[in-house]
């Protein structure tokens, strides 16, 4: 008998690296420019809204 998962809760904590941590790790990329970050946030918001719209259609 298959199991159906109706809800899945995921919690993630994201922290900005402190300046002393970023210096200690060579090879890490510098933080993205503000414009790039804004574009990424906009894309994520669009995807979330699409998923919510599809969920409401059901």
PDB file of N, CA and C in Angstrom:
ATOM      1  N   UNK A   1       0.851  -1.178   0.000  1.00  0.00           N
ATOM      2  CA  UNK A   1       0.000   0.000   0.000  1.00  0.00           C
ATOM      3  C   UNK A   1       0.898   1.244   0.000  1.00  0.00           C
ATOM      4  N   UNK A   2       0.770   2.125  -0.972  1.00  0.00           N
ATOM      5  CA  UNK A   2       1.610   3.323  -1.024  1.00  0.00           C
ATOM      6  C   UNK A   2       1.218   4.332   0.057  1.00  0.00           C
ATOM      7  N   UNK A   3       2.184   5.098   0.473  1.00  0.00           N
ATOM      8  CA  UNK A   3       1.975   6.144   1.475  1.00  0.00           C
ATOM      9  C   UNK A   3       1.957   7.484   0.761  1.00  0.00           C
ATOM     10  N   UNK A   4       0.965   8.295   1.063  1.00  0.00           N
ATOM     11  CA  UNK A   4       0.857   9.619   0.452  1.00  0.00           C
ATOM     12  C   UNK A   4       1.203  10.675   1.506  1.00  0.00           C
ATOM     13  N   UNK A   5       2.152  11.538   1.178  1.00  0.00           N
ATOM     14  CA  UNK A   5       2.535  12.621   2.068  1.00  0.00           C
ATOM     15  C   UNK A   5       1.772  13.861   1.616  1.00  0.00           C
ATOM     16  N   UNK A   6       0.930  14.388   2.495  1.00  0.00           N
ATOM     17  CA  UNK A   6       0.105  15.541   2.126  1.00  0.00           C
ATOM     18  C   UNK A   6       0.774  16.855   2.473  1.00  0.00           C
ATOM     19  N   UNK A   7       1.577  16.881   3.517  1.00  0.00           N
ATOM     20  CA  UNK A   7       2.265  18.109   3.905  1.00  0.00           C
ATOM     21  C   UNK A   7       3.698  17.785   4.283  1.00  0.00           C
ATOM     22  N   UNK A   8       4.584  18.687   3.952  1.00  0.00           N
ATOM     23  CA  UNK A   8       5.991  18.538   4.296  1.00  0.00           C
ATOM     24  C   UNK A   8       6.478  19.896   4.764  1.00  0.00           C
ATOM     25  N   UNK A   9       6.949  19.951   5.983  1.00  0.00           N
ATOM     26  CA  UNK A   9       7.439  21.209   6.554  1.00  0.00           C
ATOM     27  C   UNK A   9       8.955  21.178   6.587  1.00  0.00           C
ATOM     28  N   UNK A  10       9.575  22.191   5.997  1.00  0.00           N
ATOM     29  CA  UNK A  10      11.031  22.299   5.968  1.00  0.00           C
ATOM     30  C   UNK A  10      11.413  23.632   6.574  1.00  0.00           C
ATOM     31  N   UNK A  11      12.325  23.589   7.522  1.00  0.00           N
ATOM     32  CA  UNK A  11      12.781  24.817   8.163  1.00  0.00           C
ATOM     33  C   UNK A  11      14.266  24.964   7.872  1.00  0.00           C
ATOM     34  N   UNK A  12      14.660  26.158   7.414  1.00  0.00           N
ATOM     35  CA  UNK A  12      16.055  26.417   7.059  1.00  0.00           C
ATOM     36  C   UNK A  12      16.466  27.740   7.686  1.00  0.00           C
ATOM     37  N   UNK A  13      17.632  27.749   8.305  1.00  0.00           N
ATOM     38  CA  UNK A  13      18.208  28.979   8.837  1.00  0.00           C
ATOM     39  C   UNK A  13      19.409  29.341   7.980  1.00  0.00           C
ATOM     40  N   UNK A  14      19.383  30.540   7.409  1.00  0.00           N
ATOM     41  CA  UNK A  14      20.467  30.995   6.555  1.00  0.00           C
ATOM     42  C   UNK A  14      21.114  32.199   7.221  1.00  0.00           C
ATOM     43  N   UNK A  15      22.420  32.160   7.341  1.00  0.00           N
ATOM     44  CA  UNK A  15      23.146  33.252   7.961  1.00  0.00           C
ATOM     45  C   UNK A  15      24.188  33.787   6.996  1.00  0.00           C
ATOM     46  N   UNK A  16      24.355  35.094   6.996  1.00  0.00           N
ATOM     47  CA  UNK A  16      25.408  35.719   6.202  1.00  0.00           C
ATOM     48  C   UNK A  16      26.752  35.398   6.870  1.00  0.00           C
ATOM     49  N   UNK A  17      27.769  35.059   6.091  1.00  0.00           N
ATOM     50  CA  UNK A  17      29.071  34.802   6.707  1.00  0.00           C
ATOM     51  C   UNK A  17      29.668  36.095   7.251  1.00  0.00           C
ATOM     52  N   UNK A  18      30.259  35.994   8.409  1.00  0.00           N
ATOM     53  CA  UNK A  18      30.901  37.169   8.982  1.00  0.00           C
ATOM     54  C   UNK A  18      32.209  37.432   8.243  1.00  0.00           C
ATOM     55  N   UNK A  19      32.729  38.664   8.269  1.00  0.00           N
ATOM     56  CA  UNK A  19      33.947  38.984   7.514  1.00  0.00           C
ATOM     57  C   UNK A  19      35.146  38.110   7.901  1.00  0.00           C
ATOM     58  N   UNK A  20      35.292  37.785   9.176  1.00  0.00           N
ATOM     59  CA  UNK A  20      36.441  36.956   9.575  1.00  0.00           C
ATOM     60  C   UNK A  20      36.309  35.520   9.081  1.00  0.00           C
ATOM     61  N   UNK A  21      35.077  35.012   8.918  1.00  0.00           N
ATOM     62  CA  UNK A  21      34.890  33.655   8.406  1.00  0.00           C
ATOM     63  C   UNK A  21      35.197  33.585   6.915  1.00  0.00           C
ATOM     64  N   UNK A  22      34.819  34.627   6.170  1.00  0.00           N
ATOM     65  CA  UNK A  22      35.033  34.592   4.717  1.00  0.00           C
ATOM     66  C   UNK A  22      36.520  34.702   4.385  1.00  0.00           C
ATOM     67  N   UNK A  23      37.295  35.374   5.231  1.00  0.00           N
ATOM     68  CA  UNK A  23      38.733  35.470   4.976  1.00  0.00           C
ATOM     69  C   UNK A  23      39.435  34.145   5.259  1.00  0.00           C
ATOM     70  N   UNK A  24      38.899  33.369   6.185  1.00  0.00           N
ATOM     71  CA  UNK A  24      39.556  32.125   6.559  1.00  0.00           C
ATOM     72  C   UNK A  24      39.315  30.998   5.557  1.00  0.00           C
ATOM     73  N   UNK A  25      38.383  31.164   4.635  1.00  0.00           N
ATOM     74  CA  UNK A  25      38.066  30.128   3.650  1.00  0.00           C
ATOM     75  C   UNK A  25      38.446  30.608   2.257  1.00  0.00           C
ATOM     76  N   UNK A  26      39.608  30.262   1.783  1.00  0.00           N
ATOM     77  CA  UNK A  26      39.972  30.674   0.423  1.00  0.00           C
ATOM     78  C   UNK A  26      39.124  29.932  -0.599  1.00  0.00           C
ATOM     79  N   UNK A  27      38.871  30.589  -1.718  1.00  0.00           N
ATOM     80  CA  UNK A  27      38.102  29.948  -2.783  1.00  0.00           C
ATOM     81  C   UNK A  27      36.620  30.218  -2.701  1.00  0.00           C
ATOM     82  N   UNK A  28      36.157  30.846  -1.649  1.00  0.00           N
ATOM     83  CA  UNK A  28      34.731  31.185  -1.566  1.00  0.00           C
ATOM     84  C   UNK A  28      34.437  32.368  -2.467  1.00  0.00           C
ATOM     85  N   UNK A  29      33.268  32.338  -3.065  1.00  0.00           N
ATOM     86  CA  UNK A  29      32.864  33.439  -3.934  1.00  0.00           C
ATOM     87  C   UNK A  29      32.424  34.623  -3.083  1.00  0.00           C
ATOM     88  N   UNK A  30      32.646  35.836  -3.557  1.00  0.00           N
ATOM     89  CA  UNK A  30      32.161  37.016  -2.823  1.00  0.00           C
ATOM     90  C   UNK A  30      30.639  37.071  -2.895  1.00  0.00           C
ATOM     91  N   UNK A  31      30.000  37.762  -1.959  1.00  0.00           N
ATOM     92  CA  UNK A  31      28.531  37.867  -2.005  1.00  0.00           C
ATOM     93  C   UNK A  31      28.067  38.489  -3.311  1.00  0.00           C
ATOM     94  N   UNK A  32      26.887  38.101  -3.751  1.00  0.00           N
ATOM     95  CA  UNK A  32      26.345  38.614  -5.012  1.00  0.00           C
ATOM     96  C   UNK A  32      25.995  40.088  -4.873  1.00  0.00           C
ATOM     97  N   UNK A  33      25.988  40.747  -5.988  1.00  0.00           N
ATOM     98  CA  UNK A  33      25.593  42.150  -6.009  1.00  0.00           C
ATOM     99  C   UNK A  33      24.124  42.267  -5.635  1.00  0.00           C
ATOM    100  N   UNK A  34      23.731  43.418  -5.151  1.00  0.00           N
ATOM    101  CA  UNK A  34      22.358  43.626  -4.705  1.00  0.00           C
ATOM    102  C   UNK A  34      21.364  43.402  -5.843  1.00  0.00           C
ATOM    103  N   UNK A  35      21.690  43.847  -7.042  1.00  0.00           N
ATOM    104  CA  UNK A  35      20.789  43.652  -8.184  1.00  0.00           C
ATOM    105  C   UNK A  35      20.576  42.187  -8.495  1.00  0.00           C
ATOM    106  N   UNK A  36      21.640  41.384  -8.448  1.00  0.00           N
ATOM    107  CA  UNK A  36      21.521  39.941  -8.683  1.00  0.00           C
ATOM    108  C   UNK A  36      20.644  39.295  -7.621  1.00  0.00           C
ATOM    109  N   UNK A  37      20.839  39.712  -6.393  1.00  0.00           N
ATOM    110  CA  UNK A  37      20.057  39.146  -5.289  1.00  0.00           C
ATOM    111  C   UNK A  37      18.579  39.510  -5.451  1.00  0.00           C
ATOM    112  N   UNK A  38      18.302  40.750  -5.852  1.00  0.00           N
ATOM    113  CA  UNK A  38      16.918  41.175  -6.064  1.00  0.00           C
ATOM    114  C   UNK A  38      16.261  40.365  -7.172  1.00  0.00           C
ATOM    115  N   UNK A  39      17.000  40.118  -8.247  1.00  0.00           N
ATOM    116  CA  UNK A  39      16.457  39.305  -9.345  1.00  0.00           C
ATOM    117  C   UNK A  39      16.160  37.887  -8.882  1.00  0.00           C
ATOM    118  N   UNK A  40      17.037  37.327  -8.083  1.00  0.00           N
ATOM    119  CA  UNK A  40      16.833  35.979  -7.573  1.00  0.00           C
ATOM    120  C   UNK A  40      15.604  35.924  -6.671  1.00  0.00           C
ATOM    121  N   UNK A  41      15.447  36.914  -5.823  1.00  0.00           N
ATOM    122  CA  UNK A  41      14.276  36.961  -4.943  1.00  0.00           C
ATOM    123  C   UNK A  41      13.005  37.078  -5.774  1.00  0.00           C
ATOM    124  N   UNK A  42      13.017  37.915  -6.802  1.00  0.00           N
ATOM    125  CA  UNK A  42      11.847  38.062  -7.669  1.00  0.00           C
ATOM    126  C   UNK A  42      11.472  36.745  -8.340  1.00  0.00           C
ATOM    127  N   UNK A  43      12.463  36.017  -8.827  1.00  0.00           N
ATOM    128  CA  UNK A  43      12.192  34.720  -9.463  1.00  0.00           C
ATOM    129  C   UNK A  43      11.606  33.729  -8.463  1.00  0.00           C
ATOM    130  N   UNK A  44      12.154  33.727  -7.258  1.00  0.00           N
ATOM    131  CA  UNK A  44      11.647  32.816  -6.229  1.00  0.00           C
ATOM    132  C   UNK A  44      10.200  33.149  -5.867  1.00  0.00           C
ATOM    133  N   UNK A  45       9.897  34.425  -5.749  1.00  0.00           N
ATOM    134  CA  UNK A  45       8.535  34.837  -5.422  1.00  0.00           C
ATOM    135  C   UNK A  45       7.580  34.403  -6.529  1.00  0.00           C
ATOM    136  N   UNK A  46       7.973  34.572  -7.778  1.00  0.00           N
ATOM    137  CA  UNK A  46       7.128  34.149  -8.896  1.00  0.00           C
ATOM    138  C   UNK A  46       6.850  32.655  -8.842  1.00  0.00           C
ATOM    139  N   UNK A  47       7.880  31.858  -8.571  1.00  0.00           N
ATOM    140  CA  UNK A  47       7.700  30.403  -8.505  1.00  0.00           C
ATOM    141  C   UNK A  47       6.769  30.015  -7.369  1.00  0.00           C
ATOM    142  N   UNK A  48       6.927  30.647  -6.215  1.00  0.00           N
ATOM    143  CA  UNK A  48       6.069  30.340  -5.074  1.00  0.00           C
ATOM    144  C   UNK A  48       4.626  30.700  -5.390  1.00  0.00           C
ATOM    145  N   UNK A  49       4.410  31.840  -6.025  1.00  0.00           N
ATOM    146  CA  UNK A  49       3.051  32.238  -6.382  1.00  0.00           C
ATOM    147  C   UNK A  49       2.437  31.267  -7.384  1.00  0.00           C
ATOM    148  N   UNK A  50       3.233  30.765  -8.323  1.00  0.00           N
ATOM    149  CA  UNK A  50       2.731  29.767  -9.279  1.00  0.00           C
ATOM    150  C   UNK A  50       2.301  28.496  -8.558  1.00  0.00           C
ATOM    151  N   UNK A  51       3.123  28.044  -7.620  1.00  0.00           N
ATOM    152  CA  UNK A  51       2.795  26.824  -6.875  1.00  0.00           C
ATOM    153  C   UNK A  51       1.520  27.025  -6.062  1.00  0.00           C
ATOM    154  N   UNK A  52       1.388  28.182  -5.409  1.00  0.00           N
ATOM    155  CA  UNK A  52       0.181  28.462  -4.634  1.00  0.00           C
ATOM    156  C   UNK A  52      -1.053  28.528  -5.520  1.00  0.00           C
ATOM    157  N   UNK A  53      -0.904  29.113  -6.710  1.00  0.00           N
ATOM    158  CA  UNK A  53      -2.029  29.208  -7.640  1.00  0.00           C
ATOM    159  C   UNK A  53      -2.461  27.807  -8.081  1.00  0.00           C
ATOM    160  N   UNK A  54      -1.494  26.934  -8.376  1.00  0.00           N
ATOM    161  CA  UNK A  54      -1.817  25.555  -8.767  1.00  0.00           C
ATOM    162  C   UNK A  54      -2.463  24.813  -7.616  1.00  0.00           C
ATOM    163  N   UNK A  55      -2.008  25.057  -6.408  1.00  0.00           N
ATOM    164  CA  UNK A  55      -2.554  24.376  -5.241  1.00  0.00           C
ATOM    165  C   UNK A  55      -4.014  24.791  -5.026  1.00  0.00           C
ATOM    166  N   UNK A  56      -4.314  26.065  -5.247  1.00  0.00           N
ATOM    167  CA  UNK A  56      -5.683  26.554  -5.051  1.00  0.00           C
ATOM    168  C   UNK A  56      -6.633  26.035  -6.118  1.00  0.00           C
ATOM    169  N   UNK A  57      -6.125  25.675  -7.302  1.00  0.00           N
ATOM    170  CA  UNK A  57      -6.967  25.145  -8.385  1.00  0.00           C
ATOM    171  C   UNK A  57      -7.481  23.752  -8.043  1.00  0.00           C
ATOM    172  N   UNK A  58      -6.748  23.023  -7.239  1.00  0.00           N
ATOM    173  CA  UNK A  58      -7.127  21.631  -6.940  1.00  0.00           C
ATOM    174  C   UNK A  58      -8.367  21.538  -6.119  1.00  0.00           C
TER     175      UNK A  58
END
